[in-house]
Amino acid sequence: AGAFDEALVKAMDRAVGHFPFAQRTHDGRRAWSIFAKRGELDVWFTSDGSLFVEGVTSLNVVYALFLQLLEVCSDLAIEDRITGELHDRASLLRLVRRDEQKVSRKLTVAASLIAA
C-alpha cells in the first residue's frame, strides 16, 4: 500500500502499535513485529510513505490488522504480492473464509486419521 502522507503514516503507525502483541522493532525503522499464536507478522513504513506487511501467520491476523488500519484509512486496499490481487475488506474476508474452510477440512481429516 502507499504512498501515504506523513500525518496518515503517523496515524497508521499508532494503529499498528495498538494491535495485540505488536512490539516496536527498535531497529531504526518505523516498524513493528506482531507475534501471534499462529506466527509472526512484520509491519513497516518506508521513508516515502509506503506500508509493507510480511510474515508467516494466519490470514485471520492479516485481516484483523487490515480492519484496524481501515479505521484510520477507510479506502485502504491490500495487495497479495504472490498473486498480484488487490483486496478490499470484502474480498479479503472471502479469502479468510476460504482459508478457514481448507484448514477445517484438513483438521477433520487429521482427526479421523488419528481416530482410526
N, C-alpha and C. Protein backbone atom coordinates (compact mmCIF):
# COMPACT_ATOMS: atom_id res chain seq x y z
N ALA A 1 0.84 -1.18 0.00
CA ALA A 1 0.00 0.00 0.00
C ALA A 1 0.88 1.23 0.00
N GLY A 2 0.36 2.35 -0.36
CA GLY A 2 1.13 3.60 -0.25
C GLY A 2 1.00 4.38 -1.52
N ALA A 3 1.63 5.44 -1.65
CA ALA A 3 2.37 6.16 -0.61
C ALA A 3 1.42 7.09 0.11
N PHE A 4 1.56 7.14 1.43
CA PHE A 4 0.70 7.91 2.30
C PHE A 4 1.42 9.16 2.78
N ASP A 5 0.65 10.20 3.11
CA ASP A 5 1.28 11.41 3.64
C ASP A 5 1.71 11.15 5.09
N GLU A 6 2.55 12.04 5.59
CA GLU A 6 3.16 11.84 6.91
C GLU A 6 2.12 11.74 8.03
N ALA A 7 1.08 12.54 7.97
CA ALA A 7 0.04 12.50 9.01
C ALA A 7 -0.67 11.15 9.04
N LEU A 8 -0.96 10.61 7.85
CA LEU A 8 -1.62 9.31 7.77
C LEU A 8 -0.67 8.19 8.21
N VAL A 9 0.59 8.29 7.85
CA VAL A 9 1.58 7.29 8.29
C VAL A 9 1.66 7.27 9.82
N LYS A 10 1.68 8.45 10.43
CA LYS A 10 1.73 8.51 11.90
C LYS A 10 0.49 7.88 12.52
N ALA A 11 -0.68 8.16 11.95
CA ALA A 11 -1.92 7.59 12.46
C ALA A 11 -1.95 6.06 12.30
N MET A 12 -1.49 5.58 11.15
CA MET A 12 -1.45 4.13 10.94
C MET A 12 -0.41 3.47 11.83
N ASP A 13 0.71 4.15 12.05
CA ASP A 13 1.75 3.64 12.94
C ASP A 13 1.18 3.47 14.36
N ARG A 14 0.42 4.46 14.82
CA ARG A 14 -0.22 4.34 16.14
C ARG A 14 -1.22 3.19 16.16
N ALA A 15 -1.97 3.01 15.07
CA ALA A 15 -2.96 1.93 15.00
C ALA A 15 -2.28 0.57 15.08
N VAL A 16 -1.16 0.42 14.38
CA VAL A 16 -0.42 -0.86 14.46
C VAL A 16 0.09 -1.06 15.88
N GLY A 17 0.55 0.01 16.52
CA GLY A 17 1.04 -0.09 17.88
C GLY A 17 -0.01 -0.52 18.89
N HIS A 18 -1.29 -0.27 18.58
CA HIS A 18 -2.38 -0.71 19.46
C HIS A 18 -2.86 -2.12 19.14
N PHE A 19 -2.32 -2.72 18.10
CA PHE A 19 -2.71 -4.07 17.72
C PHE A 19 -2.17 -5.05 18.76
N PRO A 20 -2.95 -6.07 19.15
CA PRO A 20 -2.47 -7.03 20.16
C PRO A 20 -1.12 -7.66 19.77
N PHE A 21 -0.25 -7.73 20.72
CA PHE A 21 1.07 -8.37 20.61
C PHE A 21 2.04 -7.64 19.67
N ALA A 22 1.72 -6.40 19.30
CA ALA A 22 2.63 -5.61 18.46
C ALA A 22 3.75 -5.06 19.33
N GLN A 23 4.97 -5.21 18.85
CA GLN A 23 6.14 -4.70 19.55
C GLN A 23 6.99 -3.92 18.57
N ARG A 24 7.41 -2.74 18.96
CA ARG A 24 8.29 -1.92 18.13
C ARG A 24 9.59 -2.69 17.93
N THR A 25 10.14 -2.65 16.73
CA THR A 25 11.37 -3.41 16.45
C THR A 25 12.63 -2.74 16.97
N HIS A 26 12.62 -1.42 17.13
CA HIS A 26 13.78 -0.67 17.63
C HIS A 26 15.03 -0.93 16.78
N ASP A 27 14.84 -1.04 15.48
CA ASP A 27 15.98 -1.28 14.58
C ASP A 27 16.26 -0.08 13.67
N GLY A 28 15.76 1.08 14.07
CA GLY A 28 16.00 2.28 13.28
C GLY A 28 14.92 2.56 12.25
N ARG A 29 14.02 1.63 12.06
CA ARG A 29 12.93 1.82 11.11
C ARG A 29 11.65 2.13 11.87
N ARG A 30 10.65 2.61 11.19
CA ARG A 30 9.31 2.74 11.77
C ARG A 30 8.65 1.39 11.51
N ALA A 31 8.89 0.44 12.43
CA ALA A 31 8.47 -0.94 12.17
C ALA A 31 7.98 -1.63 13.44
N TRP A 32 7.16 -2.62 13.23
CA TRP A 32 6.57 -3.41 14.30
C TRP A 32 6.68 -4.90 13.97
N SER A 33 6.78 -5.72 15.00
CA SER A 33 6.63 -7.17 14.86
C SER A 33 5.41 -7.57 15.68
N ILE A 34 4.59 -8.39 15.09
CA ILE A 34 3.39 -8.89 15.77
C ILE A 34 3.58 -10.39 15.95
N PHE A 35 3.61 -10.82 17.18
CA PHE A 35 3.81 -12.23 17.50
C PHE A 35 2.47 -12.82 17.91
N ALA A 36 1.85 -13.56 17.01
CA ALA A 36 0.55 -14.17 17.27
C ALA A 36 0.74 -15.67 17.49
N LYS A 37 -0.31 -16.32 17.98
CA LYS A 37 -0.24 -17.77 18.21
C LYS A 37 0.17 -18.54 16.96
N ARG A 38 -0.31 -18.07 15.84
CA ARG A 38 -0.10 -18.79 14.58
C ARG A 38 1.00 -18.20 13.72
N GLY A 39 1.94 -17.49 14.31
CA GLY A 39 3.05 -16.98 13.51
C GLY A 39 3.42 -15.55 13.84
N GLU A 40 4.17 -14.97 12.93
CA GLU A 40 4.70 -13.63 13.13
C GLU A 40 4.44 -12.78 11.89
N LEU A 41 4.22 -11.51 12.13
CA LEU A 41 3.96 -10.57 11.06
C LEU A 41 4.82 -9.33 11.30
N ASP A 42 5.53 -8.89 10.28
CA ASP A 42 6.32 -7.67 10.36
C ASP A 42 5.61 -6.58 9.56
N VAL A 43 5.52 -5.40 10.15
CA VAL A 43 4.85 -4.27 9.54
C VAL A 43 5.83 -3.10 9.58
N TRP A 44 6.06 -2.47 8.43
CA TRP A 44 6.96 -1.32 8.44
C TRP A 44 6.52 -0.28 7.43
N PHE A 45 6.88 0.96 7.78
CA PHE A 45 6.59 2.12 6.94
C PHE A 45 7.91 2.62 6.38
N THR A 46 7.94 2.88 5.09
CA THR A 46 9.16 3.37 4.46
C THR A 46 9.19 4.89 4.48
N SER A 47 10.35 5.44 4.21
CA SER A 47 10.51 6.90 4.24
C SER A 47 9.69 7.61 3.16
N ASP A 48 9.30 6.88 2.09
CA ASP A 48 8.48 7.51 1.05
C ASP A 48 6.98 7.38 1.33
N GLY A 49 6.62 6.82 2.50
CA GLY A 49 5.21 6.74 2.89
C GLY A 49 4.51 5.47 2.49
N SER A 50 5.25 4.44 2.15
CA SER A 50 4.64 3.15 1.80
C SER A 50 4.52 2.28 3.05
N LEU A 51 3.60 1.34 3.01
CA LEU A 51 3.37 0.41 4.11
C LEU A 51 3.55 -1.01 3.59
N PHE A 52 4.34 -1.80 4.31
CA PHE A 52 4.55 -3.20 3.93
C PHE A 52 4.21 -4.11 5.09
N VAL A 53 3.63 -5.25 4.79
CA VAL A 53 3.29 -6.27 5.77
C VAL A 53 3.82 -7.58 5.23
N GLU A 54 4.58 -8.29 6.06
CA GLU A 54 5.19 -9.54 5.59
C GLU A 54 5.31 -10.49 6.77
N GLY A 55 5.18 -11.76 6.51
CA GLY A 55 5.36 -12.74 7.56
C GLY A 55 4.66 -14.03 7.27
N VAL A 56 4.73 -14.91 8.23
CA VAL A 56 4.07 -16.20 8.14
C VAL A 56 3.11 -16.29 9.31
N THR A 57 1.83 -16.18 9.01
CA THR A 57 0.80 -16.23 10.03
C THR A 57 -0.52 -16.57 9.35
N SER A 58 -1.57 -16.70 10.15
CA SER A 58 -2.88 -17.00 9.57
C SER A 58 -3.45 -15.75 8.90
N LEU A 59 -4.32 -15.98 7.95
CA LEU A 59 -4.98 -14.85 7.29
C LEU A 59 -5.86 -14.07 8.26
N ASN A 60 -6.31 -14.73 9.33
CA ASN A 60 -7.12 -14.03 10.33
C ASN A 60 -6.35 -12.87 10.95
N VAL A 61 -5.06 -13.05 11.20
CA VAL A 61 -4.25 -12.00 11.79
C VAL A 61 -4.10 -10.85 10.79
N VAL A 62 -3.84 -11.18 9.54
CA VAL A 62 -3.72 -10.16 8.50
C VAL A 62 -5.03 -9.39 8.37
N TYR A 63 -6.14 -10.12 8.38
CA TYR A 63 -7.45 -9.47 8.26
C TYR A 63 -7.72 -8.55 9.45
N ALA A 64 -7.41 -9.00 10.66
CA ALA A 64 -7.62 -8.18 11.85
C ALA A 64 -6.79 -6.90 11.79
N LEU A 65 -5.54 -7.03 11.36
CA LEU A 65 -4.69 -5.84 11.21
C LEU A 65 -5.26 -4.91 10.14
N PHE A 66 -5.72 -5.47 9.05
CA PHE A 66 -6.32 -4.68 7.97
C PHE A 66 -7.52 -3.90 8.49
N LEU A 67 -8.37 -4.55 9.30
CA LEU A 67 -9.53 -3.86 9.88
C LEU A 67 -9.09 -2.71 10.78
N GLN A 68 -8.04 -2.94 11.56
CA GLN A 68 -7.51 -1.90 12.44
C GLN A 68 -7.04 -0.69 11.62
N LEU A 69 -6.36 -0.97 10.51
CA LEU A 69 -5.87 0.12 9.66
C LEU A 69 -6.99 0.82 8.90
N LEU A 70 -8.07 0.08 8.60
CA LEU A 70 -9.22 0.70 7.92
C LEU A 70 -9.87 1.77 8.78
N GLU A 71 -9.76 1.67 10.10
CA GLU A 71 -10.32 2.68 10.98
C GLU A 71 -9.61 4.03 10.77
N VAL A 72 -8.36 3.97 10.33
CA VAL A 72 -7.57 5.18 10.10
C VAL A 72 -7.68 5.64 8.65
N CYS A 73 -7.69 4.68 7.74
CA CYS A 73 -7.70 4.98 6.30
C CYS A 73 -8.77 4.11 5.64
N SER A 74 -9.96 4.65 5.46
CA SER A 74 -11.11 3.86 5.03
C SER A 74 -11.03 3.34 3.59
N ASP A 75 -10.18 3.92 2.76
CA ASP A 75 -10.08 3.46 1.37
C ASP A 75 -8.83 2.61 1.13
N LEU A 76 -8.36 1.96 2.17
CA LEU A 76 -7.16 1.13 2.10
C LEU A 76 -7.44 -0.16 1.32
N ALA A 77 -6.46 -0.60 0.57
CA ALA A 77 -6.52 -1.89 -0.13
C ALA A 77 -5.21 -2.61 0.19
N ILE A 78 -5.22 -3.92 0.10
CA ILE A 78 -4.03 -4.71 0.35
C ILE A 78 -3.73 -5.54 -0.89
N GLU A 79 -2.47 -5.57 -1.28
CA GLU A 79 -2.07 -6.33 -2.47
C GLU A 79 -1.40 -7.63 -2.05
N ASP A 80 -1.87 -8.72 -2.62
CA ASP A 80 -1.22 -10.02 -2.44
C ASP A 80 -0.04 -10.04 -3.40
N ARG A 81 1.17 -10.02 -2.88
CA ARG A 81 2.35 -9.92 -3.73
C ARG A 81 2.59 -11.20 -4.53
N ILE A 82 2.00 -12.31 -4.13
CA ILE A 82 2.17 -13.56 -4.87
C ILE A 82 1.25 -13.58 -6.10
N THR A 83 -0.03 -13.24 -5.90
CA THR A 83 -0.99 -13.29 -7.00
C THR A 83 -1.16 -11.95 -7.70
N GLY A 84 -0.74 -10.86 -7.06
CA GLY A 84 -0.92 -9.54 -7.63
C GLY A 84 -2.33 -9.00 -7.43
N GLU A 85 -3.19 -9.75 -6.73
CA GLU A 85 -4.56 -9.32 -6.49
C GLU A 85 -4.63 -8.21 -5.47
N LEU A 86 -5.50 -7.25 -5.71
CA LEU A 86 -5.80 -6.21 -4.73
C LEU A 86 -7.05 -6.62 -3.98
N HIS A 87 -7.00 -6.48 -2.65
CA HIS A 87 -8.14 -6.85 -1.82
C HIS A 87 -8.64 -5.66 -1.04
N ASP A 88 -9.97 -5.53 -1.03
CA ASP A 88 -10.61 -4.60 -0.11
C ASP A 88 -11.14 -5.44 1.05
N ARG A 89 -11.91 -4.83 1.91
CA ARG A 89 -12.41 -5.54 3.10
C ARG A 89 -13.19 -6.81 2.73
N ALA A 90 -14.09 -6.71 1.76
CA ALA A 90 -14.96 -7.84 1.40
C ALA A 90 -14.17 -8.98 0.74
N SER A 91 -13.28 -8.66 -0.19
CA SER A 91 -12.55 -9.73 -0.88
C SER A 91 -11.53 -10.40 0.05
N LEU A 92 -10.95 -9.64 0.98
CA LEU A 92 -10.02 -10.25 1.93
C LEU A 92 -10.78 -11.16 2.89
N LEU A 93 -11.98 -10.77 3.29
CA LEU A 93 -12.80 -11.62 4.15
C LEU A 93 -13.15 -12.92 3.44
N ARG A 94 -13.49 -12.85 2.16
CA ARG A 94 -13.77 -14.08 1.38
C ARG A 94 -12.55 -15.00 1.38
N LEU A 95 -11.38 -14.43 1.20
CA LEU A 95 -10.13 -15.20 1.21
C LEU A 95 -9.90 -15.86 2.58
N VAL A 96 -10.16 -15.12 3.65
CA VAL A 96 -10.01 -15.67 5.00
C VAL A 96 -10.96 -16.84 5.21
N ARG A 97 -12.20 -16.67 4.81
CA ARG A 97 -13.20 -17.75 4.98
C ARG A 97 -12.83 -18.98 4.17
N ARG A 98 -12.33 -18.78 2.96
CA ARG A 98 -11.89 -19.90 2.13
C ARG A 98 -10.74 -20.64 2.81
N ASP A 99 -9.81 -19.88 3.38
CA ASP A 99 -8.67 -20.46 4.09
C ASP A 99 -9.13 -21.24 5.31
N GLU A 100 -10.10 -20.70 6.05
CA GLU A 100 -10.62 -21.38 7.24
C GLU A 100 -11.29 -22.70 6.86
N GLN A 101 -12.00 -22.73 5.73
CA GLN A 101 -12.64 -23.96 5.29
C GLN A 101 -11.60 -25.02 4.94
N LYS A 102 -10.51 -24.62 4.30
CA LYS A 102 -9.43 -25.56 3.98
C LYS A 102 -8.83 -26.13 5.25
N VAL A 103 -8.55 -25.28 6.22
CA VAL A 103 -7.95 -25.72 7.49
C VAL A 103 -8.92 -26.64 8.21
N SER A 104 -10.20 -26.29 8.21
CA SER A 104 -11.22 -27.09 8.87
C SER A 104 -11.28 -28.49 8.27
N ARG A 105 -11.21 -28.59 6.92
CA ARG A 105 -11.24 -29.90 6.26
C ARG A 105 -9.99 -30.70 6.61
N LYS A 106 -8.83 -30.02 6.66
CA LYS A 106 -7.59 -30.71 7.00
C LYS A 106 -7.64 -31.24 8.42
N LEU A 107 -8.19 -30.44 9.34
CA LEU A 107 -8.29 -30.88 10.73
C LEU A 107 -9.25 -32.04 10.87
N THR A 108 -10.34 -32.03 10.12
CA THR A 108 -11.30 -33.12 10.17
C THR A 108 -10.66 -34.40 9.66
N VAL A 109 -9.93 -34.32 8.57
CA VAL A 109 -9.24 -35.48 8.01
C VAL A 109 -8.17 -35.97 9.00
N ALA A 110 -7.40 -35.05 9.55
CA ALA A 110 -6.37 -35.42 10.51
C ALA A 110 -6.98 -36.08 11.74
N ALA A 111 -8.11 -35.56 12.21
CA ALA A 111 -8.77 -36.13 13.39
C ALA A 111 -9.29 -37.52 13.08
N SER A 112 -9.84 -37.73 11.89
CA SER A 112 -10.36 -39.04 11.56
C SER A 112 -9.23 -40.05 11.35
N LEU A 113 -8.09 -39.60 10.85
CA LEU A 113 -6.93 -40.49 10.69
C LEU A 113 -6.38 -40.89 12.04
N ILE A 114 -6.38 -39.99 12.98
CA ILE A 114 -5.87 -40.29 14.31
C ILE A 114 -6.80 -41.26 15.01
N ALA A 115 -8.11 -41.08 14.82
CA ALA A 115 -9.09 -41.93 15.49
C ALA A 115 -9.11 -43.35 14.92
N ALA A 116 -8.64 -43.55 13.72
CA ALA A 116 -8.72 -44.86 13.06
C ALA A 116 -7.78 -45.88 13.64
